[in-house]
């Protein structure tokens, strides 16, 4: 089939084109038959153009039919102009047209955004090629492409070299399960898909590249969640002869440049981002309960242990006596919460390991109502544990928390880890309910000085907090043999709005130190040579000091668009458990493929 090639894109039509004969190609976005007059909005990737067919045109044009239309541009009647569309002042009077492909009935209405809100997500992903036609999805793809282009431009200007690394490689688990690829020529041997280009980028530093980056595909067989996919894209970079501050300075400069340009270019509604604050890992856990804090608002967690250690409220006193922690958080305006609402907050912390949630409210001193208690200091409290605390304890807790009249104070008494998890979740809930988590604000920051290793109680061993190639801080190396949990790593994360956006570290370049780390985390000498012999050998052949970082492309676009699920910014995402409804994958393979690979499928019991 031959057809007339476009002379202009739909979204480019303006009053300046009036009188010109043009040809547009695209999809029938909306079709309106007004009894002899046929109006069609034709859509391509740039926008919409209204076309009007000659009176009594006989044509069966359904929504999403593919068209080629030729005609003369003219001004619309003033009453029919659409100020909300860039092309809304003009229309095309059709002189000829071709139906290039008639569309069958659609599984969902591509042209109706309100109706699309009701469409099941799995159905959208199954027919993603239709979903991608929507202007909102086109914008997401354009923003994603622009972000990658700006990252490349920035790093190219900084003297980096883009290098591709292999997609099929050796299985060296880095925290998640590998995706394995059978090797046909040697049955029983496997490649793995890379969880990251970690070892390759370090070998590039040994190879003298000095400044490497890559827009890298990574694969991790791990539990799915809103900000995670089994395959994802990251900016991966590595630098030689650098310290931590060099890498953080570079990535902060790149992030501010790229994000601020995107905010302006795509009119995203955010204020430009400024300098990044720094938090140590210990500070982040103490103040926010996690290592990826949402810095758009305060409401810091406070430690009440020293105040209530000898309290007559037994739950608090016994927790502190047993080595536990009593920590709290302020709910601004929370004094007016109903019993049901407080119970919902209690259920939240219980779901995250806490035994319960204690509380009391600071109310108007003039509120002389039943159930309230007036203190000598002139403050009045009510509810929860207010009757179990003495006046000095209450005054001290109010001062610690910075509570004001109308606020509710909430407390968790438990272990350090449980109090962190429960209160960090509670803090986010409060931030959302009070409107403090501003959806039009981006708050980036660095978290540094992570612990090098963490104790794995189930396996009774030390596990790397980041990965086994992370360098310990020079001043802490002496503690590795006596108190490994005290050793800090030259490791750092970039956080934004409660998400980890990037992570990196200064790497080990000494073979002796690398072997010492492997010994600490329980990797035998044989396993070291089998799994990592190539990199240990490379470290003996002139490896420079080096470090790097990786940031998530998918997560950045998700944050910039205010999406809550990373699937919304990936062209062809997977659903829960890694299922692809579009391709119906994963799927079974035929018997011949099993035989060719020298494999056998073990029947399920």
Protein backbone atom coordinates (compact mmCIF):
# COMPACT_ATOMS: atom_id res chain seq x y z
CA UNK A 1 0.00 0.00 0.00
CA UNK A 2 1.26 3.44 -0.90
CA UNK A 3 0.23 6.50 1.08
CA UNK A 4 0.88 10.20 1.19
CA UNK A 5 3.90 10.99 3.37
CA UNK A 6 3.31 13.63 6.05
CA UNK A 7 4.43 17.17 5.39
CA UNK A 8 3.83 18.36 8.95
CA UNK A 9 3.27 16.83 12.37
CA UNK A 10 -0.17 17.16 13.95
CA UNK A 11 1.07 19.13 16.95
CA UNK A 12 2.91 21.66 14.79
CA UNK A 13 -0.15 23.18 13.12
CA UNK A 14 -0.66 26.88 13.88
CA UNK A 15 -2.44 29.91 12.46
CA UNK A 16 0.70 30.63 10.39
CA UNK A 17 -0.16 27.58 8.26
CA UNK A 18 -3.62 28.84 7.23
CA UNK A 19 -4.09 28.47 3.47
CA UNK A 20 -1.40 25.79 3.10
CA UNK A 21 -2.09 22.30 1.82
CA UNK A 22 -0.66 19.76 4.27
CA UNK A 23 -0.59 16.03 4.85
CA UNK A 24 -0.69 14.49 8.31
CA UNK A 25 -0.39 10.84 9.36
CA UNK A 26 -1.60 9.41 12.64
CA UNK A 27 -4.35 7.73 14.64
CA UNK A 28 -8.00 8.71 14.95
CA UNK A 29 -8.06 9.96 18.53
CA UNK A 30 -11.72 10.97 18.69
CA UNK A 31 -14.39 10.61 16.03
CA UNK A 32 -17.52 12.81 15.99
CA UNK A 33 -20.23 12.25 13.36
CA UNK A 34 -22.64 15.21 13.51
CA UNK A 35 -25.19 14.01 10.99
CA UNK A 36 -23.37 14.47 7.73
CA UNK A 37 -20.37 16.34 9.11
CA UNK A 38 -17.51 14.11 10.21
CA UNK A 39 -14.90 15.56 12.61
CA UNK A 40 -11.84 13.55 13.60
CA UNK A 41 -9.01 14.49 15.96
CA UNK A 42 -5.90 12.93 14.44
CA UNK A 43 -3.05 12.22 16.85
CA UNK A 44 0.64 11.56 16.38
CA UNK A 45 3.50 11.74 18.87
CA UNK A 46 3.51 15.56 18.77
CA UNK A 47 -0.16 16.26 19.51
CA UNK A 48 -3.64 16.54 18.00
CA UNK A 49 -5.04 18.13 14.85
CA UNK A 50 -8.74 18.48 14.10
CA UNK A 51 -9.79 17.51 10.57
CA UNK A 52 -13.20 18.03 9.01
CA UNK A 53 -14.32 15.84 6.12
CA UNK A 54 -16.46 17.02 3.18
CA UNK A 55 -20.18 16.90 3.87
CA UNK A 56 -21.77 13.43 3.61
CA UNK A 57 -18.40 11.66 3.43
CA UNK A 58 -18.95 7.91 3.66
CA UNK A 59 -16.14 6.49 5.73
CA UNK A 60 -16.10 4.05 8.60
CA UNK A 61 -13.44 5.51 10.87
CA UNK A 62 -13.23 4.04 14.35
CA UNK A 63 -11.17 5.22 17.26
CA UNK A 64 -7.45 4.40 16.74
CA UNK A 65 -7.81 3.80 13.01
CA UNK A 66 -4.57 4.75 11.24
CA UNK A 67 -5.05 7.59 8.74
CA UNK A 68 -3.25 9.67 6.16
CA UNK A 69 -5.09 12.96 5.59
CA UNK A 70 -4.40 15.73 3.06
CA UNK A 71 -6.19 19.06 3.14
CA UNK A 72 -6.09 22.82 3.55
CA UNK A 73 -5.41 24.49 6.88
CA UNK A 74 -8.05 27.01 7.89
CA UNK A 75 -9.08 28.94 10.99
CA UNK A 76 -11.82 27.41 13.10
CA UNK A 77 -14.98 29.37 13.77
CA UNK A 78 -14.29 31.53 16.82
CA UNK A 79 -16.88 29.69 18.94
CA UNK A 80 -15.26 26.33 18.11
CA UNK A 81 -11.68 27.26 19.00
CA UNK A 82 -9.99 25.29 21.77
CA UNK A 83 -7.63 27.41 23.84
CA UNK A 84 -6.45 24.38 25.83
CA UNK A 85 -4.77 22.87 22.74
CA UNK A 86 -1.77 24.38 20.93
CA UNK A 87 -3.49 23.54 17.62
CA UNK A 88 -6.91 24.64 18.83
CA UNK A 89 -7.24 27.70 16.54
CA UNK A 90 -7.03 25.77 13.28
CA UNK A 91 -8.38 22.71 11.48
CA UNK A 92 -7.76 20.85 8.23
CA UNK A 93 -10.46 20.78 5.56
CA UNK A 94 -9.93 17.32 4.06
CA UNK A 95 -9.41 17.01 0.30
CA UNK A 96 -8.29 13.35 0.33
CA UNK A 97 -7.61 10.66 2.88
CA UNK A 98 -6.56 7.03 3.19
CA UNK A 99 -7.43 4.48 5.85
CA UNK A 100 -4.08 2.79 6.35
CA UNK A 101 -5.27 0.33 8.98
CA UNK A 102 -8.74 0.01 10.43
CA UNK A 103 -8.76 -0.62 14.17
CA UNK A 104 -10.86 -3.31 15.82
CA UNK A 105 -12.67 -2.61 19.10
CA UNK A 106 -10.13 -1.58 21.73
CA UNK A 107 -9.75 -3.35 25.10
CA UNK A 108 -9.74 0.09 26.77
CA UNK A 109 -10.40 3.69 25.68
CA UNK A 110 -7.03 5.19 24.77
CA UNK A 111 -8.53 8.65 24.15
CA UNK A 112 -10.36 9.00 27.49
CA UNK A 113 -7.96 9.66 30.40
CA UNK A 114 -10.73 9.62 33.01
CA UNK A 115 -11.86 6.19 31.87
CA UNK A 116 -8.23 5.02 31.78
CA UNK A 117 -8.00 5.60 35.54
CA UNK A 118 -10.44 2.71 35.97
CA UNK A 119 -8.58 0.27 33.70
CA UNK A 120 -6.87 -2.66 35.39
CA UNK A 121 -3.09 -2.20 35.32
CA UNK A 122 -2.37 -5.72 34.13
CA UNK A 123 -4.71 -5.16 31.17
CA UNK A 124 -2.80 -1.96 30.34
CA UNK A 125 0.54 -3.79 30.47
CA UNK A 126 -0.83 -6.70 28.40
CA UNK A 127 -1.70 -4.17 25.68
CA UNK A 128 1.17 -1.81 26.42
CA UNK A 129 1.50 -0.85 22.76
CA UNK A 130 -1.95 0.76 23.08
CA UNK A 131 -1.21 2.29 26.48
CA UNK A 132 1.91 3.94 25.05
CA UNK A 133 -0.17 5.85 22.50
CA UNK A 134 -1.59 8.03 25.27
CA UNK A 135 -0.02 11.52 25.38
CA UNK A 136 0.74 11.10 29.08
CA UNK A 137 2.78 7.97 28.34
CA UNK A 138 4.52 9.65 25.41
CA UNK A 139 5.61 12.43 27.78
CA UNK A 140 7.08 9.86 30.16
CA UNK A 141 9.16 8.31 27.38
CA UNK A 142 10.35 11.73 26.22
CA UNK A 143 11.33 12.74 29.75
CA UNK A 144 13.21 9.50 30.21
CA UNK A 145 15.08 9.95 26.93
CA UNK A 146 15.90 13.56 27.79
CA UNK A 147 17.25 12.59 31.21
CA UNK A 148 19.63 10.03 29.69
CA UNK A 149 20.77 12.49 27.03
CA UNK A 150 21.50 15.19 29.62
CA UNK A 151 23.40 12.71 31.82
CA UNK A 152 25.52 11.68 28.85
CA UNK A 153 26.19 15.29 27.87
CA UNK A 154 27.25 16.21 31.41
CA UNK A 155 29.60 13.25 31.85
CA UNK A 156 31.07 13.62 28.35
CA UNK A 157 31.94 17.22 29.26
CA UNK A 158 33.63 15.92 32.43
CA UNK A 159 35.97 13.66 30.44
CA UNK A 160 34.19 10.35 30.95
CA UNK A 161 34.23 7.51 28.42
CA UNK A 162 31.08 5.47 27.86
CA UNK A 163 31.93 1.76 27.81
CA UNK A 164 29.54 -1.19 27.41
CA UNK A 165 30.12 -4.22 29.60
CA UNK A 166 28.87 -7.81 29.04
CA UNK A 167 25.27 -8.86 29.67
CA UNK A 168 26.10 -12.55 30.06
CA UNK A 169 28.81 -13.08 32.63
CA UNK A 170 29.93 -15.18 35.60
CA UNK A 171 27.61 -15.84 38.52
CA UNK A 172 29.02 -13.98 41.53
CA UNK A 173 25.97 -13.26 43.74
CA UNK A 174 25.96 -9.71 45.11
CA UNK A 175 23.03 -9.83 47.53
CA UNK A 176 20.11 -10.89 45.31
CA UNK A 177 19.62 -14.08 43.33
CA UNK A 178 21.11 -14.23 39.85
CA UNK A 179 19.18 -14.90 36.66
CA UNK A 180 21.04 -17.84 35.09
CA UNK A 181 21.56 -18.61 31.39
CA UNK A 182 22.44 -22.24 30.42
CA UNK A 183 25.62 -22.73 28.37
CA UNK A 184 24.69 -25.09 25.53
CA UNK A 185 28.22 -26.34 24.81
CA UNK A 186 28.88 -27.50 28.39
CA UNK A 187 25.70 -28.84 30.05
CA UNK A 188 25.61 -27.92 33.72
CA UNK A 189 27.52 -24.67 33.27
CA UNK A 190 25.78 -21.31 33.31
CA UNK A 191 26.23 -17.67 32.57
CA UNK A 192 24.47 -15.11 34.77
CA UNK A 193 22.83 -11.82 33.91
CA UNK A 194 24.62 -9.00 35.77
CA UNK A 195 23.13 -7.59 38.96
CA UNK A 196 25.37 -4.62 38.17
CA UNK A 197 28.58 -4.09 36.16
CA UNK A 198 30.46 -3.94 39.47
CA UNK A 199 33.50 -6.07 38.71
CA UNK A 200 33.78 -4.97 35.10
CA UNK A 201 33.88 -1.29 36.00
CA UNK A 202 36.59 -1.97 38.57
CA UNK A 203 38.56 -3.89 35.95
CA UNK A 204 38.16 -0.89 33.62
CA UNK A 205 39.91 1.17 36.30
CA UNK A 206 42.73 -1.37 36.37
CA UNK A 207 42.70 -1.00 32.57
CA UNK A 208 43.49 2.71 32.83
CA UNK A 209 40.13 4.06 31.62
CA UNK A 210 40.03 6.31 34.74
CA UNK A 211 36.61 7.84 34.05
CA UNK A 212 33.95 5.35 32.89
CA UNK A 213 30.19 5.50 32.67
CA UNK A 214 27.41 3.41 31.18
CA UNK A 215 23.63 3.47 30.96
CA UNK A 216 23.52 -0.11 32.13
CA UNK A 217 20.86 -2.82 32.18
CA UNK A 218 20.87 -4.76 35.46
CA UNK A 219 18.99 -7.88 36.56
CA UNK A 220 18.07 -9.07 40.05
CA UNK A 221 15.83 -11.98 40.96
CA UNK A 222 14.31 -10.47 44.10
CA UNK A 223 10.95 -9.58 45.59
CA UNK A 224 8.96 -7.02 43.63
CA UNK A 225 7.78 -3.72 45.08
CA UNK A 226 6.57 -0.36 43.81
CA UNK A 227 10.08 1.02 43.18
CA UNK A 228 11.75 -2.17 41.96
CA UNK A 229 11.72 -4.28 38.78
CA UNK A 230 13.59 -7.53 37.99
CA UNK A 231 15.36 -5.70 35.16
CA UNK A 232 16.17 -2.03 35.51
CA UNK A 233 18.39 0.70 34.08
CA UNK A 234 21.02 2.60 36.01
CA UNK A 235 23.69 5.17 35.42
CA UNK A 236 26.88 3.35 36.38
CA UNK A 237 30.12 5.29 36.77
CA UNK A 238 33.61 4.76 38.16
CA UNK A 239 36.61 7.04 38.66
CA UNK A 240 40.29 6.45 39.46
CA UNK A 241 42.50 8.43 41.84
CA UNK A 242 39.56 9.89 43.74
CA UNK A 243 38.29 10.24 47.27
CA UNK A 244 34.69 10.07 48.46
CA UNK A 245 34.24 13.83 48.28
CA UNK A 246 35.28 13.86 44.60
CA UNK A 247 32.58 11.40 43.62
CA UNK A 248 29.89 13.06 45.71
CA UNK A 249 30.82 16.49 44.31
CA UNK A 250 30.57 15.18 40.76
CA UNK A 251 27.25 13.36 41.22
CA UNK A 252 25.71 16.33 43.08
CA UNK A 253 26.72 18.68 40.30
CA UNK A 254 25.37 16.31 37.65
CA UNK A 255 22.08 15.78 39.49
CA UNK A 256 21.46 19.50 39.99
CA UNK A 257 22.27 20.23 36.35
CA UNK A 258 20.16 17.43 34.88
CA UNK A 259 17.17 17.72 37.24
CA UNK A 260 16.91 21.50 37.07
CA UNK A 261 17.07 21.44 33.27
CA UNK A 262 14.33 18.80 33.14
CA UNK A 263 12.15 20.72 35.62
CA UNK A 264 12.32 23.76 33.34
CA UNK A 265 12.12 22.01 29.98
CA UNK A 266 9.15 19.79 30.86
CA UNK A 267 7.41 22.31 33.15
CA UNK A 268 7.30 19.76 35.99
CA UNK A 269 6.21 22.24 38.66
CA UNK A 270 9.11 21.66 41.07
CA UNK A 271 11.28 24.37 42.56
CA UNK A 272 14.93 24.07 41.37
CA UNK A 273 16.95 21.83 43.66
CA UNK A 274 19.88 23.24 45.64
CA UNK A 275 22.83 21.88 47.61
CA UNK A 276 22.50 18.40 49.13
CA UNK A 277 22.61 18.01 52.92
CA UNK A 278 24.83 15.29 54.41
CA UNK A 279 23.75 12.78 57.09
CA UNK A 280 25.76 9.95 58.55
CA UNK A 281 24.07 6.57 58.56
CA UNK A 282 23.90 6.72 62.36
CA UNK A 283 22.24 10.16 62.26
CA UNK A 284 19.74 9.01 59.66
CA UNK A 285 18.70 5.99 61.71
CA UNK A 286 18.49 8.06 64.91
CA UNK A 287 16.47 10.93 63.44
CA UNK A 288 14.39 9.21 60.77
CA UNK A 289 14.49 5.48 61.53
CA UNK A 290 15.85 4.46 58.12
CA UNK A 291 18.76 5.07 55.76
CA UNK A 292 16.69 6.67 52.98
CA UNK A 293 14.90 9.49 54.80
CA UNK A 294 12.26 11.71 53.26
CA UNK A 295 13.84 15.12 53.83
CA UNK A 296 10.89 17.17 52.59
CA UNK A 297 9.77 17.60 56.19
CA UNK A 298 11.08 17.42 59.77
CA UNK A 299 9.23 15.50 62.48
CA UNK A 300 12.41 13.89 63.70
CA UNK A 301 12.27 10.89 66.03
CA UNK A 302 13.36 11.66 69.58
CA UNK A 303 14.81 9.36 72.25
CA UNK A 304 12.76 9.43 75.46
CA UNK A 305 14.71 6.71 77.27
CA UNK A 306 16.58 8.95 79.68
CA UNK A 307 13.37 10.72 80.67
CA UNK A 308 11.28 7.61 81.38
CA UNK A 309 13.94 5.21 82.65
CA UNK A 310 12.48 5.34 86.18
CA UNK A 311 8.91 6.12 85.20
CA UNK A 312 5.97 4.61 87.10
CA UNK A 313 4.67 3.60 83.67
CA UNK A 314 6.06 0.09 83.76
CA UNK A 315 6.19 -0.54 80.01
CA UNK A 316 8.65 2.31 79.53
CA UNK A 317 10.77 1.61 82.61
CA UNK A 318 11.07 -2.14 81.96
CA UNK A 319 11.97 -1.58 78.30
CA UNK A 320 14.84 0.73 79.22
CA UNK A 321 15.96 -1.59 82.05
CA UNK A 322 16.06 -4.49 79.58
CA UNK A 323 18.32 -2.62 77.16
CA UNK A 324 15.51 -1.50 74.87
CA UNK A 325 14.55 1.93 73.64
CA UNK A 326 11.64 4.31 74.16
CA UNK A 327 11.44 6.65 71.19
CA UNK A 328 8.74 9.03 70.06
CA UNK A 329 7.47 11.29 67.34
CA UNK A 330 5.21 14.33 67.19
CA UNK A 331 1.94 14.40 65.23
CA UNK A 332 1.17 18.07 64.50
CA UNK A 333 -2.50 18.78 65.20
CA UNK A 334 -2.99 15.16 66.21
CA UNK A 335 -4.79 15.97 69.47
CA UNK A 336 -8.04 15.99 67.52
CA UNK A 337 -7.61 12.48 66.11
CA UNK A 338 -10.42 10.06 66.92
CA UNK A 339 -9.90 6.85 68.82
CA UNK A 340 -10.35 4.99 65.53
CA UNK A 341 -7.64 7.03 63.84
CA UNK A 342 -5.20 6.42 66.68
CA UNK A 343 -5.99 2.70 66.52
CA UNK A 344 -5.10 2.74 62.81
CA UNK A 345 -1.72 4.25 63.68
CA UNK A 346 -1.24 1.58 66.33
CA UNK A 347 -2.07 -1.12 63.80
CA UNK A 348 0.56 0.34 61.49
CA UNK A 349 3.38 0.08 64.01
CA UNK A 350 2.26 -3.42 65.01
CA UNK A 351 2.46 -4.48 61.37
CA UNK A 352 6.07 -3.33 61.50
CA UNK A 353 7.04 -5.30 64.57
CA UNK A 354 6.13 -3.04 67.51
CA UNK A 355 4.11 -4.36 70.45
CA UNK A 356 2.03 -1.22 70.74
CA UNK A 357 1.84 2.56 70.48
CA UNK A 358 1.62 4.79 73.56
CA UNK A 359 0.37 8.35 73.27
CA UNK A 360 -0.83 11.51 74.95
CA UNK A 361 -2.03 14.86 73.58
CA UNK A 362 -1.09 18.43 74.53
CA UNK A 363 -4.30 20.46 74.61
CA UNK A 364 -5.43 24.03 75.30
CA UNK A 365 -4.85 24.83 79.01
CA UNK A 366 -8.27 26.46 79.09
CA UNK A 367 -9.89 23.19 78.02
CA UNK A 368 -11.13 22.04 81.45
CA UNK A 369 -12.82 18.88 80.18
CA UNK A 370 -13.23 15.42 81.65
CA UNK A 371 -10.20 13.26 81.00
CA UNK A 372 -7.74 16.13 80.84
CA UNK A 373 -4.98 16.85 83.33
CA UNK A 374 -3.57 20.28 84.20
CA UNK A 375 0.12 20.30 85.18
CA UNK A 376 1.84 22.73 87.55
CA UNK A 377 3.67 24.15 84.54
CA UNK A 378 0.32 25.25 83.15
CA UNK A 379 0.26 22.65 80.40
CA UNK A 380 -2.78 20.42 79.94
CA UNK A 381 -2.65 16.87 78.56
CA UNK A 382 -5.17 14.16 77.83
CA UNK A 383 -5.61 10.60 76.66
CA UNK A 384 -3.44 7.52 76.39
CA UNK A 385 -0.70 7.35 79.03
CA UNK A 386 -1.20 10.90 80.35
CA UNK A 387 -2.29 9.69 83.78
CA UNK A 388 0.74 7.38 84.20
CA UNK A 389 3.49 9.99 83.76
CA UNK A 390 4.55 12.50 86.39
CA UNK A 391 4.63 16.22 85.63
CA UNK A 392 8.40 16.46 85.20
CA UNK A 393 8.40 13.55 82.74
CA UNK A 394 5.62 15.15 80.71
CA UNK A 395 7.36 18.54 80.66
CA UNK A 396 10.63 16.92 79.57
CA UNK A 397 8.94 14.93 76.78
CA UNK A 398 7.17 18.03 75.50
CA UNK A 399 10.47 19.90 75.43
CA UNK A 400 12.26 17.00 73.71
CA UNK A 401 9.63 16.74 71.00
CA UNK A 402 8.99 20.44 70.48
CA UNK A 403 5.27 19.75 70.86
CA UNK A 404 2.78 22.60 70.74
CA UNK A 405 -0.83 22.87 71.88
CA UNK A 406 -2.92 20.60 69.67
CA UNK A 407 -0.15 18.07 69.01
CA UNK A 408 -0.17 14.35 69.78
CA UNK A 409 2.96 12.55 71.03
CA UNK A 410 3.37 8.91 70.00
CA UNK A 411 5.83 6.41 71.52
CA UNK A 412 7.23 2.97 70.69
CA UNK A 413 9.02 0.97 73.40
CA UNK A 414 11.02 -1.85 71.83
CA UNK A 415 14.40 -2.87 70.42
CA UNK A 416 16.42 -0.43 68.37
CA UNK A 417 15.62 -2.13 65.04
CA UNK A 418 11.89 -2.41 65.76
CA UNK A 419 11.63 1.18 66.95
CA UNK A 420 13.41 2.34 63.79
CA UNK A 421 11.16 0.39 61.44
CA UNK A 422 7.91 1.23 63.23
CA UNK A 423 8.61 4.93 63.76
CA UNK A 424 9.98 5.50 60.26
CA UNK A 425 6.75 4.08 58.81
CA UNK A 426 4.72 6.12 61.27
CA UNK A 427 6.64 9.28 60.36
CA UNK A 428 5.83 8.84 56.68
CA UNK A 429 2.17 8.21 57.49
CA UNK A 430 2.03 11.39 59.58
CA UNK A 431 3.80 13.34 56.83
CA UNK A 432 1.23 12.18 54.31
CA UNK A 433 -1.80 12.81 56.53
CA UNK A 434 -0.66 16.30 57.48
CA UNK A 435 0.33 17.29 53.94
CA UNK A 436 4.01 17.72 54.86
CA UNK A 437 5.16 15.32 52.13
CA UNK A 438 4.81 17.95 49.45
CA UNK A 439 4.30 16.16 46.10
CA UNK A 440 5.80 19.14 44.25
CA UNK A 441 9.07 19.20 46.17
CA UNK A 442 12.25 17.22 45.54
CA UNK A 443 14.57 16.84 48.54
CA UNK A 444 17.90 15.19 47.66
CA UNK A 445 20.57 14.38 50.22
CA UNK A 446 23.57 12.16 50.95
CA UNK A 447 23.78 9.44 53.60
CA UNK A 448 27.39 8.48 54.37
CA UNK A 449 29.45 6.33 56.76
CA UNK A 450 27.44 3.13 56.52
CA UNK A 451 28.60 0.15 58.58
CA UNK A 452 30.94 -2.11 56.60
CA UNK A 453 29.22 -5.33 57.70
CA UNK A 454 26.03 -6.41 59.44
CA UNK A 455 25.53 -9.47 61.62
CA UNK A 456 23.35 -12.15 60.03
CA UNK A 457 21.66 -13.80 63.01
CA UNK A 458 20.16 -16.64 60.95
CA UNK A 459 23.44 -17.62 59.29
CA UNK A 460 25.63 -16.59 62.25
CA UNK A 461 28.02 -14.62 60.07
CA UNK A 462 28.95 -11.11 58.96
CA UNK A 463 27.39 -9.92 55.69
CA UNK A 464 28.57 -6.89 53.69
CA UNK A 465 26.21 -3.95 54.10
CA UNK A 466 26.89 -2.83 50.54
CA UNK A 467 28.98 -5.36 48.61
CA UNK A 468 32.28 -7.13 49.32
CA UNK A 469 34.36 -4.68 47.25
CA UNK A 470 33.56 -1.69 49.50
CA UNK A 471 36.56 -0.21 51.28
CA UNK A 472 36.52 0.24 55.06
CA UNK A 473 37.48 3.64 56.40
CA UNK A 474 41.22 3.71 56.91
CA UNK A 475 40.86 4.79 60.54
CA UNK A 476 38.57 1.82 61.32
CA UNK A 477 40.57 -1.03 59.74
CA UNK A 478 42.17 -1.84 63.09
CA UNK A 479 38.76 -2.90 64.45
CA UNK A 480 38.12 -5.50 61.74
CA UNK A 481 39.59 -8.38 63.72
CA UNK A 482 38.26 -7.30 67.12
CA UNK A 483 34.93 -5.52 66.53
CA UNK A 484 33.79 -5.74 62.88
CA UNK A 485 30.42 -4.15 63.62
CA UNK A 486 32.21 -0.95 64.59
CA UNK A 487 33.92 -0.57 61.22
CA UNK A 488 32.49 2.12 58.94
CA UNK A 489 32.66 1.90 55.17
CA UNK A 490 33.60 4.51 52.60
CA UNK A 491 30.06 4.03 51.33
CA UNK A 492 27.36 6.56 50.42
CA UNK A 493 23.79 6.78 49.15
CA UNK A 494 21.86 9.54 47.42
CA UNK A 495 18.30 9.72 48.75
CA UNK A 496 15.30 11.62 47.45
CA UNK A 497 11.78 11.84 48.92
CA UNK A 498 12.14 8.63 50.88
CA UNK A 499 13.76 6.58 48.11
CA UNK A 500 17.33 5.49 47.60
CA UNK A 501 18.20 7.02 44.24
CA UNK A 502 21.84 6.01 44.09
CA UNK A 503 24.50 4.10 45.95
CA UNK A 504 28.25 3.78 45.73
CA UNK A 505 31.54 3.47 47.53
CA UNK A 506 35.28 3.79 47.43
CA UNK A 507 36.45 0.33 46.34
CA UNK A 508 39.16 -1.91 47.66
CA UNK A 509 42.18 -1.94 45.35
CA UNK A 510 44.56 -3.91 47.59
CA UNK A 511 44.48 -7.71 47.09
CA UNK A 512 45.47 -8.24 50.74
CA UNK A 513 42.63 -6.08 52.07
CA UNK A 514 40.18 -7.67 49.63
CA UNK A 515 41.16 -11.14 50.85
CA UNK A 516 40.75 -9.94 54.46
CA UNK A 517 37.20 -8.80 53.72
CA UNK A 518 36.37 -12.11 52.06
CA UNK A 519 37.70 -13.92 55.14
CA UNK A 520 35.56 -11.73 57.41
CA UNK A 521 32.33 -12.49 55.53
CA UNK A 522 33.05 -16.20 55.38
CA UNK A 523 34.17 -16.69 51.77
CA UNK A 524 36.67 -19.56 51.80
CA UNK A 525 40.05 -19.33 50.04
CA UNK A 526 38.81 -21.80 47.44
CA UNK A 527 35.62 -19.81 46.83
CA UNK A 528 37.64 -16.59 46.61
CA UNK A 529 39.71 -18.01 43.78
CA UNK A 530 36.78 -19.70 42.06
CA UNK A 531 34.42 -16.73 42.13
CA UNK A 532 36.74 -13.73 42.31
CA UNK A 533 40.17 -14.96 41.22
CA UNK A 534 40.15 -12.71 38.14
CA UNK A 535 39.70 -9.51 40.13
CA UNK A 536 42.13 -10.55 42.89
CA UNK A 537 44.74 -11.16 40.21
CA UNK A 538 43.98 -7.80 38.61
CA UNK A 539 44.52 -6.07 41.94
CA UNK A 540 48.06 -7.50 42.01
CA UNK A 541 48.91 -5.94 38.66
CA UNK A 542 48.78 -2.22 39.34
CA UNK A 543 45.22 -1.35 40.40
CA UNK A 544 44.74 2.38 41.10
CA UNK A 545 42.62 3.70 43.99
CA UNK A 546 39.10 4.05 42.63
CA UNK A 547 35.44 4.46 43.51
CA UNK A 548 32.09 4.98 41.91
CA UNK A 549 28.35 5.22 42.18
CA UNK A 550 25.21 4.01 40.40
CA UNK A 551 21.89 5.86 40.22
CA UNK A 552 18.53 4.58 39.01
CA UNK A 553 17.27 6.02 35.73
CA UNK A 554 13.81 4.51 36.28
CA UNK A 555 13.56 5.91 39.81
CA UNK A 556 14.66 9.38 38.73
CA UNK A 557 11.92 9.58 36.10
CA UNK A 558 9.42 8.17 38.62
CA UNK A 559 10.32 10.93 41.10
CA UNK A 560 10.21 13.69 38.49
CA UNK A 561 6.75 12.61 37.33
CA UNK A 562 5.39 12.07 40.85
CA UNK A 563 4.53 8.45 40.09
CA UNK A 564 4.23 5.94 42.93
CA UNK A 565 5.05 2.87 40.83
CA UNK A 566 8.14 2.41 38.72
CA UNK A 567 6.19 0.42 36.13
CA UNK A 568 4.61 3.68 34.99
CA UNK A 569 7.91 4.99 33.58
CA UNK A 570 9.17 1.81 31.88
CA UNK A 571 8.06 1.13 28.31
CA UNK A 572 7.49 -2.60 28.80
CA UNK A 573 7.50 -3.44 32.53
CA UNK A 574 6.96 -6.68 34.42
CA UNK A 575 4.11 -7.18 36.85
CA UNK A 576 4.37 -8.79 40.31
CA UNK A 577 6.61 -11.87 40.51
CA UNK A 578 8.31 -10.76 37.30
CA UNK A 579 5.40 -11.74 35.03
CA UNK A 580 5.11 -10.12 31.60
CA UNK A 581 1.45 -10.28 30.48
CA UNK A 582 2.29 -8.81 27.07
CA UNK A 583 4.59 -11.67 26.06
CA UNK A 584 3.11 -14.16 28.55
CA UNK A 585 6.59 -14.65 29.98
CA UNK A 586 8.15 -16.53 31.60
CA UNK A 587 6.90 -19.53 29.66
CA UNK A 588 7.69 -23.18 29.15
CA UNK A 589 10.19 -24.27 26.47
CA UNK A 590 9.81 -27.32 24.30
CA UNK A 591 11.49 -30.66 24.91
CA UNK A 592 14.02 -30.16 22.11
CA UNK A 593 15.45 -27.10 23.87
CA UNK A 594 15.88 -29.03 27.12
CA UNK A 595 17.71 -31.77 25.24
CA UNK A 596 19.92 -29.30 23.36
CA UNK A 597 20.92 -27.66 26.64
CA UNK A 598 21.65 -31.02 28.27
CA UNK A 599 19.13 -30.24 31.02
CA UNK A 600 16.17 -32.02 32.54
CA UNK A 601 13.20 -30.48 34.31
CA UNK A 602 12.66 -32.05 37.71
CA UNK A 603 8.93 -32.71 38.29
CA UNK A 604 7.30 -30.83 41.14
CA UNK A 605 6.43 -32.95 44.15
